[in-house]
Protein backbone atom coordinates (compact mmCIF):
# COMPACT_ATOMS: atom_id res chain seq x y z
CA MET A 1 57.98 127.15 104.04
CA PRO A 2 55.24 128.25 106.40
CA GLN A 3 56.17 130.71 109.12
CA VAL A 4 56.83 128.96 112.43
CA THR A 5 56.15 130.77 115.66
CA MET A 6 56.09 129.28 119.12
CA GLN A 7 55.59 130.53 122.59
CA ILE A 8 58.10 129.67 125.29
CA GLY A 9 56.35 126.53 126.56
CA GLU A 10 55.98 125.13 123.05
CA LEU A 11 59.61 125.79 122.23
CA ALA A 12 60.78 124.26 125.51
CA THR A 13 58.87 121.06 124.72
CA HIS A 14 60.02 121.10 121.08
CA ILE A 15 63.74 121.19 121.90
CA GLY A 16 63.64 119.37 125.24
CA VAL A 17 64.60 122.08 127.73
CA SER A 18 62.78 123.86 130.51
CA THR A 19 61.23 127.28 130.08
CA ARG A 20 63.69 128.38 132.74
CA SER A 21 66.57 127.38 130.43
CA LEU A 22 65.10 129.43 127.61
CA ARG A 23 64.77 132.43 129.91
CA TYR A 24 68.40 131.89 130.96
CA TYR A 25 69.46 131.89 127.29
CA GLU A 26 67.62 135.18 126.90
CA GLN A 27 69.10 136.71 130.07
CA ARG A 28 72.57 135.81 128.86
CA GLY A 29 71.92 137.39 125.46
CA LEU A 30 71.90 134.14 123.49
CA LEU A 31 68.28 134.57 122.35
CA SER A 32 66.28 137.74 121.75
CA PRO A 33 62.70 136.74 120.99
CA PRO A 34 60.27 139.53 120.22
CA ARG A 35 57.13 139.85 122.33
CA ASN A 36 53.58 139.98 121.06
CA GLY A 37 50.96 142.53 122.10
CA ASN A 38 50.27 140.61 125.32
CA GLY A 39 53.95 140.60 126.28
CA TYR A 40 54.48 136.91 125.51
CA ARG A 41 57.72 135.83 123.87
CA VAL A 42 57.18 134.68 120.29
CA TYR A 43 59.92 132.53 118.79
CA ASP A 44 60.21 132.61 115.00
CA ARG A 45 61.91 130.00 112.82
CA VAL A 46 65.40 131.48 113.33
CA SER A 47 64.90 131.66 117.12
CA VAL A 48 63.64 128.07 117.19
CA THR A 49 66.70 126.93 115.24
CA ARG A 50 69.08 128.96 117.37
CA ALA A 51 67.57 127.64 120.62
CA GLY A 52 67.92 124.05 119.40
CA ASN A 53 71.51 124.70 118.38
CA ILE A 54 72.30 126.27 121.75
CA LYS A 55 70.91 123.22 123.53
CA ALA A 56 72.92 120.89 121.27
CA LEU A 57 76.13 122.78 122.03
CA PHE A 58 75.49 122.75 125.77
CA ASP A 59 74.73 119.01 125.49
CA VAL A 60 78.23 118.34 124.11
CA GLY A 61 79.85 120.28 126.92
CA LEU A 62 80.46 123.69 125.43
CA THR A 63 80.27 126.69 127.73
CA TYR A 64 78.19 129.86 127.65
CA GLU A 65 81.26 131.72 126.36
CA ASP A 66 81.73 129.15 123.60
CA VAL A 67 78.11 129.50 122.51
CA ARG A 68 78.37 133.29 122.62
CA HIS A 69 81.42 133.03 120.34
CA TYR A 70 79.43 130.88 117.89
CA ILE A 71 76.65 133.48 117.83
CA GLU A 72 79.10 136.35 117.30
CA ASN A 73 80.49 134.46 114.30
CA GLY A 74 77.03 133.80 112.83
CA CYS A 75 77.21 130.04 113.29
CA LEU A 76 73.84 129.28 114.95
CA ASP A 77 70.98 130.66 112.87
CA ARG A 78 70.70 127.60 110.63
CA PRO A 79 70.69 123.96 111.68
CA LEU A 80 74.24 123.03 112.66
CA THR A 81 74.41 120.33 110.00
CA GLU A 82 73.40 122.83 107.30
CA SER A 83 75.49 125.82 108.37
CA PRO A 84 78.64 126.64 106.49
CA PRO A 85 81.66 125.60 108.52
CA CYS A 86 82.85 128.21 110.98
CA HIS A 87 86.56 128.34 111.72
CA ALA A 88 85.78 129.62 115.20
CA GLU A 89 83.64 126.52 115.72
CA LEU A 90 86.49 124.19 114.84
CA ASP A 91 88.94 126.06 117.07
CA THR A 92 86.52 125.87 119.99
CA VAL A 93 85.92 122.15 119.49
CA ARG A 94 89.65 121.48 119.32
CA GLU A 95 90.26 123.46 122.53
CA ARG A 96 87.50 121.61 124.38
CA LEU A 97 88.77 118.22 123.13
CA GLU A 98 92.27 119.07 124.33
CA GLY A 99 90.89 119.97 127.75
CA LEU A 100 88.88 116.75 127.90
CA ASP A 101 91.91 114.69 126.89
CA GLU A 102 93.91 116.27 129.72
CA ARG A 103 91.16 115.50 132.23
CA ILE A 104 90.81 111.94 130.94
CA THR A 105 94.55 111.40 131.37
CA LEU A 106 94.41 112.75 134.91
CA LEU A 107 91.38 110.64 135.77
CA GLN A 108 93.03 107.53 134.32
CA ARG A 109 96.09 108.12 136.52
CA LEU A 110 93.87 108.56 139.56
CA ARG A 111 91.97 105.41 138.68
CA ASP A 112 95.19 103.45 138.29
CA ARG A 113 96.45 104.64 141.68
CA LEU A 114 93.15 103.79 143.34
CA ALA A 115 93.12 100.34 141.73
CA SER A 116 96.68 99.74 142.99
CA HIS A 117 95.64 100.80 146.45
CA GLY A 118 92.68 98.40 146.30
CA THR A 119 94.94 95.57 145.17
CA ALA A 120 97.31 96.27 148.07
CA ILE A 121 94.41 96.12 150.53
CA GLU A 122 93.21 92.84 149.03
CA ARG A 123 96.71 91.36 149.41
CA ARG A 124 96.92 92.43 153.06
CA ILE A 125 93.51 90.96 153.76
CA ALA A 126 94.47 87.72 152.03
CA ALA A 127 97.76 87.60 153.96
CA GLU A 128 95.89 88.03 157.26
CA GLY A 129 93.51 85.24 156.32
CA SER A 130 96.32 82.79 155.58
CA ALA A 131 98.25 83.63 158.74
């Protein structure tokens, strides 16, 4: 495979994030691109893959800490679909799903209460109209 290198703007376009996001990933220690002689960041194939994986994980709702955990366990340097399964990855996904399920349950209860309140208002309005 030919060597892939990209500068920050190219990578941002390639994976669909802003250059600011890529700088944030770097500030938080998620990416460590080397710099060329002019001081520009140069992203190699592994960095390009890692950046795309980071974006994908953020897109599904994982946190900075979750992504950091993936990196510490060596889970992000190959495409996610090609990486060997990481136990830490599965644990994180299960924890996040549990949290989402709890929030969904709470939101459903709130929705049900609001719908009941709306129904009560409609009944009162209808009762006033027939009086």
